[in-house]
Amino acid sequence: MSSFRKPKTVLREASGAYVDGKYVSGARSVVSTRASGQPTVSRQDMEALPEGRHLSDLAKFYTDDLLNITADGENVQPDIIVHEGYGYELVSIFKNQSSVISHYKYIGVKVFKFTTDADWISGALKRP
């Protein structure tokens, strides 16, 4: 376990479903990981990202844990990592599973100012 990785809160939401024609959100939970959060580097990190985002809206995270991202498939909600008081929705993953230092690198897009775990669980914090 690397000493530069710090405990981070991960906000998770299960898949929702339609019940009697109305969409019902999935259950929300809070888990933890150890990650390093760092600013993105323009050219190096931006190639696989959504267009129109400002560099300050993005961060990269390194962790040993496999987390959910936007492209994981139908009905999969991406995880949100809380970093420096903001929630960052994970939009991209780079897997480095070598025999030297295996890890995952994620790019996250800032989606909201984080308040409390209880606000996440109750639905007071909304995805954009």
Foldseek 3Di string as FASTA:
>chain_A
DDPQWAKWKKKAWAFWDADPNRIDTGAIDIDIFTKHKAQDDPPPPPPPDDPPADSVQKIKIKGADDFAAPPPDPRGAFMWIQDPQFTWGWHDWDFDCDPPDGIIMTMTGTFGGDDDRVCSRVVVDDGD
